[in-house]
Amino acid sequence: MGLRGSGSAGAEHGRATRGFGRRKGARPGRLGRALLAALVVGAVVVPLSAAGRPRVPAPPPATLPPLSAATLPTIYAANRADAAEAARMATAHGDRRRATADRALASTSRKLLAFDGRGTGRATEVFGDLTRAEHIAVLVPGSDTTLETYGRLRAGALALHHRTGPRTAVIAWLGYDTPRMLSTDALTTGRAEQAAPGLTRFLRQLRGLVGPSARISLLCHSYGTVVCARTAPAAEVRDIVLVGSPGTGVDSAADLHTRARVWAARGARDWIADVPHTRVTAFGTTVGFGTDPVSAAYGARVFDAGDGGHSDYFAPGSVSVANLARIVLGRTPEADHA
């Protein structure tokens, strides 16, 4: 449930499932509940979450000074140097794909607030000038986002920054170990609960850097919406935007316990519409994320995401990215007329 390319398995799944044609907000039937019950058993009996996680050697994260306008250049340079060393280690290990990804992040043009080349990798990158930004968007990706696939998240951040203008900064936050699409981790809130403290800390540091007047928006995609739901009560942001969400693990926007405006959208061709929006608990494990965020029952402000699929919310020129830009700038997006 990440920012996947149009040729991905997610897109193939979308073409396969759109024929079911379940309406937005429709309640899952017995088949959906039975499916989730089976997945609960799978989550307990056949755990897949640790299978095949890469073990790429890399240095530990750089030691960084506290985040401030004065220390930004030092922080950017230290993280680029760490990425360059990670690229050398990955090359020596024979992992050319990871080495290529690390080397790109080490470029002198990159503004990295954080970098960790270990495991599946983490990175936080800035597009724009944080010290002058009046509007800031923080993008939180979904499953299958790693350093190797980070380019998809980066492309979305660039497209949004292009739409929002020079007084806006966009931050791509790959600050957690995202679950694999085809794993039980993608069906539970476990990874989101692990990720939320880190996102909360980052948002507090960001607020301390930009001051109280800057408008910060949290833009969350797919499984990233579950992460944002866990972060919402402590997040000092103006808007929380949920796109392509499988559900957030709570029953309604009110249950997020946030003063931020809560928005939701789903593209007309997004296969996530056919995921059962319910929760099933057995053997102490809960699978599924509950109420559909674009349903009336959830209570979010629903906006138009156009006719795109699960990968298309940040596509250049799309209805979705235009409306996301409006939200980031404090304007009113076009309503969903579906």
Protein backbone atom coordinates (compact mmCIF):
# COMPACT_ATOMS: atom_id res chain seq x y z
CA MET A 1 0.00 0.00 0.00
CA GLY A 2 2.67 2.46 -1.01
CA LEU A 3 3.37 4.94 -3.80
CA ARG A 4 3.71 2.25 -6.44
CA GLY A 5 4.48 2.68 -10.13
CA SER A 6 1.85 2.07 -12.79
CA GLY A 7 3.48 -1.17 -13.83
CA SER A 8 3.53 -2.58 -10.29
CA ALA A 9 1.71 -5.51 -8.77
CA GLY A 10 -0.56 -2.98 -7.09
CA ALA A 11 -1.70 -1.65 -10.45
CA GLU A 12 -2.24 -5.18 -11.72
CA HIS A 13 -4.31 -5.92 -8.64
CA GLY A 14 -6.29 -2.76 -9.29
CA ARG A 15 -7.20 -3.89 -12.80
CA ALA A 16 -8.22 -7.27 -11.45
CA THR A 17 -10.41 -5.96 -8.63
CA ARG A 18 -12.14 -2.93 -10.11
CA GLY A 19 -14.71 -5.27 -11.65
CA PHE A 20 -16.17 -5.93 -8.20
CA GLY A 21 -17.35 -2.30 -8.24
CA ARG A 22 -18.04 -1.87 -4.51
CA ARG A 23 -19.39 1.63 -3.82
CA LYS A 24 -17.57 4.10 -1.60
CA GLY A 25 -18.59 3.62 1.98
CA ALA A 26 -20.35 0.30 1.36
CA ARG A 27 -20.14 -2.15 4.24
CA PRO A 28 -18.20 -5.37 3.66
CA GLY A 29 -20.33 -8.49 3.50
CA ARG A 30 -19.80 -11.97 4.86
CA LEU A 31 -17.11 -12.68 2.28
CA GLY A 32 -15.05 -9.69 3.44
CA ARG A 33 -15.39 -10.65 7.08
CA ALA A 34 -14.50 -14.25 6.30
CA LEU A 35 -11.46 -13.11 4.38
CA LEU A 36 -10.26 -11.00 7.28
CA ALA A 37 -10.87 -13.84 9.71
CA ALA A 38 -8.68 -16.06 7.56
CA LEU A 39 -6.02 -13.38 7.51
CA VAL A 40 -6.09 -13.20 11.31
CA VAL A 41 -5.25 -16.89 11.46
CA GLY A 42 -2.49 -16.32 8.92
CA ALA A 43 -1.12 -13.46 10.97
CA VAL A 44 -0.83 -15.73 14.00
CA VAL A 45 0.11 -19.04 12.42
CA VAL A 46 2.17 -18.05 9.37
CA PRO A 47 4.04 -14.81 10.13
CA LEU A 48 5.68 -13.33 7.02
CA SER A 49 6.82 -9.95 8.30
CA ALA A 50 10.48 -10.83 8.79
CA ALA A 51 10.86 -12.87 5.63
CA GLY A 52 13.43 -11.64 3.18
CA ARG A 53 14.28 -8.32 4.83
CA PRO A 54 17.55 -7.14 3.30
CA ARG A 55 20.71 -6.95 5.40
CA VAL A 56 22.80 -4.33 3.62
CA PRO A 57 25.87 -3.11 5.53
CA ALA A 58 25.85 0.63 6.21
CA PRO A 59 27.30 3.05 8.74
CA PRO A 60 25.19 4.20 11.67
CA PRO A 61 23.35 7.53 11.21
CA ALA A 62 25.52 10.63 11.46
CA THR A 63 25.72 12.48 14.78
CA LEU A 64 23.76 15.67 14.18
CA PRO A 65 23.39 18.98 16.04
CA PRO A 66 19.92 20.12 17.20
CA LEU A 67 17.74 21.23 14.28
CA SER A 68 17.81 24.98 13.72
CA ALA A 69 18.15 27.43 10.85
CA ALA A 70 21.85 27.80 11.68
CA THR A 71 22.54 24.05 11.72
CA LEU A 72 20.64 23.09 8.56
CA PRO A 73 23.69 23.27 6.25
CA THR A 74 25.70 21.11 8.68
CA ILE A 75 22.89 18.57 8.95
CA TYR A 76 22.46 18.35 5.18
CA ALA A 77 26.21 17.88 4.64
CA ALA A 78 26.56 15.23 7.37
CA ASN A 79 23.70 13.14 6.00
CA ARG A 80 25.04 13.38 2.44
CA ALA A 81 28.41 12.16 3.68
CA ASP A 82 26.71 9.27 5.48
CA ALA A 83 24.84 8.36 2.29
CA ALA A 84 28.10 8.42 0.32
CA GLU A 85 29.73 6.04 2.82
CA ALA A 86 26.66 3.79 2.69
CA ALA A 87 26.98 3.70 -1.11
CA ARG A 88 30.62 2.59 -0.83
CA MET A 89 29.71 -0.15 1.64
CA ALA A 90 26.80 -1.36 -0.50
CA THR A 91 29.09 -1.48 -3.54
CA ALA A 92 31.65 -3.55 -1.62
CA HIS A 93 28.82 -5.85 -0.53
CA GLY A 94 27.78 -6.33 -4.17
CA ASP A 95 24.37 -4.66 -3.82
CA ARG A 96 24.42 -2.36 -6.82
CA ARG A 97 20.77 -1.34 -6.53
CA ARG A 98 21.19 -0.08 -2.97
CA ALA A 99 24.50 1.55 -3.87
CA THR A 100 22.80 3.47 -6.68
CA ALA A 101 20.04 4.67 -4.35
CA ASP A 102 22.53 5.75 -1.67
CA ARG A 103 24.75 7.50 -4.22
CA ALA A 104 21.81 9.53 -5.52
CA LEU A 105 20.98 10.69 -1.99
CA ALA A 106 24.61 11.72 -1.49
CA SER A 107 24.42 14.25 -4.34
CA THR A 108 25.37 17.80 -3.33
CA SER A 109 21.91 19.02 -4.40
CA ARG A 110 20.07 16.88 -1.84
CA LYS A 111 18.76 18.32 1.44
CA LEU A 112 18.58 15.42 3.88
CA LEU A 113 17.30 16.03 7.37
CA ALA A 114 17.90 12.36 8.19
CA PHE A 115 19.49 9.29 6.58
CA ASP A 116 19.96 5.72 7.73
CA GLY A 117 21.26 3.20 5.21
CA ARG A 118 20.80 0.17 7.44
CA GLY A 119 18.12 -2.43 6.84
CA THR A 120 15.50 -1.28 4.34
CA GLY A 121 16.68 2.28 4.90
CA ARG A 122 15.25 5.60 6.02
CA ALA A 123 15.52 9.13 4.67
CA THR A 124 13.90 12.51 5.25
CA GLU A 125 14.37 14.99 2.40
CA VAL A 126 13.41 18.65 1.98
CA PHE A 127 12.24 20.27 -1.24
CA GLY A 128 12.29 24.04 -0.98
CA ASP A 129 13.61 26.44 1.65
CA LEU A 130 12.50 25.46 5.16
CA THR A 131 13.73 28.70 6.70
CA ARG A 132 11.44 30.83 4.49
CA ALA A 133 8.49 28.51 3.99
CA GLU A 134 5.03 29.73 4.99
CA HIS A 135 3.41 26.38 4.13
CA ILE A 136 4.98 22.97 4.74
CA ALA A 137 3.71 19.57 3.61
CA VAL A 138 5.02 16.36 5.18
CA LEU A 139 4.46 13.26 3.02
CA VAL A 140 4.12 9.91 4.81
CA PRO A 141 4.34 6.90 2.45
CA GLY A 142 2.81 3.46 2.68
CA SER A 143 4.07 -0.09 2.30
CA ASP A 144 6.95 -1.24 0.12
CA THR A 145 8.74 2.12 0.41
CA THR A 146 12.46 1.56 0.95
CA LEU A 147 15.65 3.32 -0.13
CA GLU A 148 15.50 1.30 -3.35
CA THR A 149 11.97 2.52 -4.13
CA TYR A 150 12.35 5.97 -2.55
CA GLY A 151 12.41 7.58 -6.00
CA ARG A 152 8.63 7.19 -6.25
CA LEU A 153 8.09 9.12 -3.03
CA ARG A 154 10.57 11.76 -4.13
CA ALA A 155 8.82 12.20 -7.48
CA GLY A 156 5.52 12.81 -5.69
CA ALA A 157 7.12 15.37 -3.37
CA LEU A 158 8.63 17.19 -6.34
CA ALA A 159 5.29 17.26 -8.18
CA LEU A 160 3.54 18.72 -5.15
CA HIS A 161 6.28 21.30 -4.59
CA HIS A 162 5.98 22.38 -8.21
CA ARG A 163 2.25 23.02 -7.67
CA THR A 164 2.60 24.89 -4.39
CA GLY A 165 5.25 27.47 -5.25
CA PRO A 166 8.39 29.01 -3.74
CA ARG A 167 6.93 29.90 -0.34
CA THR A 168 6.21 26.24 0.34
CA ALA A 169 8.49 23.40 1.43
CA VAL A 170 7.63 19.74 0.94
CA ILE A 171 9.23 17.04 3.06
CA ALA A 172 9.37 13.37 2.09
CA TRP A 173 9.40 11.46 5.39
CA LEU A 174 10.57 7.87 5.05
CA GLY A 175 11.13 7.64 8.78
CA TYR A 176 9.91 4.13 9.53
CA ASP A 177 10.24 0.54 8.37
CA THR A 178 7.28 0.25 6.04
CA PRO A 179 5.52 -3.11 5.81
CA ARG A 180 5.68 -5.23 2.73
CA MET A 181 2.51 -5.24 0.68
CA LEU A 182 2.30 -9.03 0.75
CA SER A 183 2.82 -9.51 4.46
CA THR A 184 0.71 -9.69 7.58
CA ASP A 185 2.34 -6.44 8.78
CA ALA A 186 0.40 -4.59 6.08
CA LEU A 187 -2.86 -5.81 7.64
CA THR A 188 -2.30 -4.66 11.23
CA THR A 189 -1.42 -1.43 13.05
CA GLY A 190 1.87 -2.78 14.45
CA ARG A 191 4.23 -0.94 12.10
CA ALA A 192 2.18 2.24 12.50
CA GLU A 193 2.43 2.07 16.28
CA GLN A 194 6.20 1.70 15.97
CA ALA A 195 6.40 4.62 13.52
CA ALA A 196 4.20 7.13 15.34
CA PRO A 197 6.69 8.21 18.06
CA GLY A 198 9.32 9.02 15.44
CA LEU A 199 6.89 11.04 13.33
CA THR A 200 5.69 12.87 16.44
CA ARG A 201 9.27 13.81 17.38
CA PHE A 202 10.00 14.97 13.88
CA LEU A 203 6.90 17.19 13.73
CA ARG A 204 7.84 18.77 17.07
CA GLN A 205 11.37 19.48 15.84
CA LEU A 206 9.95 20.91 12.62
CA ARG A 207 7.59 23.19 14.52
CA GLY A 208 10.48 24.40 16.63
CA LEU A 209 12.42 25.24 13.48
CA VAL A 210 9.71 27.02 11.47
CA GLY A 211 7.85 28.72 14.33
CA PRO A 212 4.15 28.94 15.16
CA SER A 213 3.04 30.88 12.07
CA ALA A 214 3.99 28.31 9.42
CA ARG A 215 1.13 26.12 8.22
CA ILE A 216 2.08 22.43 8.42
CA SER A 217 0.01 19.76 6.66
CA LEU A 218 0.40 16.00 7.05
CA LEU A 219 -0.24 14.16 3.77
CA CYS A 220 -0.61 10.42 4.25
CA HIS A 221 -0.85 7.72 1.59
CA SER A 222 -2.17 4.17 1.91
CA TYR A 223 -0.62 2.45 4.99
CA GLY A 224 0.84 5.85 5.81
CA THR A 225 -2.70 6.90 6.79
CA VAL A 226 -2.54 4.35 9.61
CA VAL A 227 0.74 5.91 10.77
CA CYS A 228 -0.80 9.39 10.68
CA ALA A 229 -3.82 8.22 12.66
CA ARG A 230 -1.52 7.03 15.44
CA THR A 231 0.32 10.36 15.32
CA ALA A 232 -2.73 12.65 15.05
CA PRO A 233 -3.44 13.34 18.75
CA ALA A 234 0.04 14.80 19.30
CA ALA A 235 0.58 16.35 15.87
CA GLU A 236 0.56 20.15 15.83
CA VAL A 237 -0.59 20.48 12.23
CA ARG A 238 -3.39 22.35 10.45
CA ASP A 239 -4.48 19.56 8.11
CA ILE A 240 -4.29 15.77 8.03
CA VAL A 241 -4.96 14.34 4.58
CA LEU A 242 -5.74 10.65 3.99
CA VAL A 243 -5.45 9.39 0.41
CA GLY A 244 -5.80 5.82 -0.82
CA SER A 245 -6.49 4.69 2.74
CA PRO A 246 -7.36 1.11 3.72
CA GLY A 247 -8.83 2.59 6.92
CA THR A 248 -7.00 4.19 9.82
CA GLY A 249 -7.68 1.82 12.71
CA VAL A 250 -10.31 4.13 14.22
CA ASP A 251 -14.02 4.43 13.50
CA SER A 252 -14.24 8.13 12.72
CA ALA A 253 -12.31 11.35 12.23
CA ALA A 254 -13.43 12.40 15.72
CA ASP A 255 -11.58 9.38 17.12
CA LEU A 256 -8.29 10.84 15.83
CA HIS A 257 -8.54 13.38 18.68
CA THR A 258 -6.99 16.17 16.67
CA ARG A 259 -7.78 19.84 16.16
CA ALA A 260 -6.54 19.59 12.58
CA ARG A 261 -8.94 19.49 9.67
CA VAL A 262 -9.20 15.90 8.45
CA TRP A 263 -9.48 15.31 4.69
CA ALA A 264 -9.92 12.10 2.70
CA ALA A 265 -9.93 11.14 -0.96
CA ARG A 266 -9.80 8.08 -3.18
CA GLY A 267 -9.21 7.91 -6.92
CA ALA A 268 -11.94 6.33 -9.02
CA ARG A 269 -9.60 3.53 -10.16
CA ASP A 270 -7.94 2.83 -6.80
CA TRP A 271 -8.15 -0.87 -5.96
CA ILE A 272 -8.09 -0.02 -2.23
CA ALA A 273 -11.87 0.54 -2.53
CA ASP A 274 -12.28 -3.24 -2.72
CA VAL A 275 -10.41 -3.92 0.52
CA PRO A 276 -12.89 -4.89 3.28
CA HIS A 277 -13.21 -1.86 5.58
CA THR A 278 -13.66 -3.72 8.84
CA ARG A 279 -11.65 -5.17 11.72
CA VAL A 280 -11.54 -8.74 12.96
CA THR A 281 -9.83 -9.87 16.19
CA ALA A 282 -8.84 -13.42 17.06
CA PHE A 283 -6.08 -14.93 19.22
CA GLY A 284 -5.22 -11.42 20.43
CA THR A 285 -4.46 -10.11 16.92
CA THR A 286 -6.55 -7.51 15.08
CA VAL A 287 -6.52 -7.47 11.29
CA GLY A 288 -8.05 -4.70 9.19
CA PHE A 289 -8.44 -0.97 9.74
CA GLY A 290 -12.15 -0.30 10.08
CA THR A 291 -14.29 2.47 8.63
CA ASP A 292 -13.60 3.73 5.13
CA PRO A 293 -12.26 7.31 5.48
CA VAL A 294 -14.19 8.53 2.42
CA SER A 295 -17.51 7.25 3.81
CA ALA A 296 -20.02 9.57 5.42
CA ALA A 297 -19.73 7.51 8.63
CA TYR A 298 -16.07 8.48 9.03
CA GLY A 299 -16.80 12.20 8.92
CA ALA A 300 -13.74 13.52 7.05
CA ARG A 301 -13.91 16.33 4.49
CA VAL A 302 -13.96 14.40 1.21
CA PHE A 303 -12.35 15.97 -1.86
CA ASP A 304 -11.97 14.99 -5.50
CA ALA A 305 -9.01 12.77 -6.39
CA GLY A 306 -9.97 12.35 -10.04
CA ASP A 307 -9.97 9.03 -11.87
CA GLY A 308 -6.47 7.91 -10.88
CA GLY A 309 -5.37 4.64 -9.35
CA HIS A 310 -3.56 3.81 -6.12
CA SER A 311 -0.26 5.18 -7.41
CA ASP A 312 -1.56 8.42 -8.89
CA TYR A 313 -2.35 10.80 -6.03
CA PHE A 314 0.83 12.84 -6.54
CA ALA A 315 1.02 12.48 -10.33
CA PRO A 316 1.96 15.73 -12.11
CA GLY A 317 -1.06 17.43 -13.63
CA SER A 318 -3.57 15.26 -11.81
CA VAL A 319 -6.78 16.46 -10.16
CA SER A 320 -5.51 14.92 -6.94
CA VAL A 321 -2.20 16.77 -6.75
CA ALA A 322 -3.98 20.05 -7.61
CA ASN A 323 -6.37 19.56 -4.70
CA LEU A 324 -3.58 18.49 -2.36
CA ALA A 325 -1.76 21.72 -3.25
CA ARG A 326 -4.90 23.72 -2.42
CA ILE A 327 -5.10 22.11 1.01
CA VAL A 328 -1.41 22.74 1.73
CA LEU A 329 -1.90 26.42 0.78
CA GLY A 330 -4.93 26.73 3.05
CA ARG A 331 -7.42 26.90 0.21
CA THR A 332 -10.56 24.86 -0.44
CA PRO A 333 -10.16 21.82 -2.72
CA GLU A 334 -12.77 20.72 -5.21
CA ALA A 335 -15.39 18.44 -3.69
CA ASP A 336 -15.74 14.80 -4.68
CA HIS A 337 -18.71 14.55 -7.01
CA ALA A 338 -18.60 10.75 -7.35
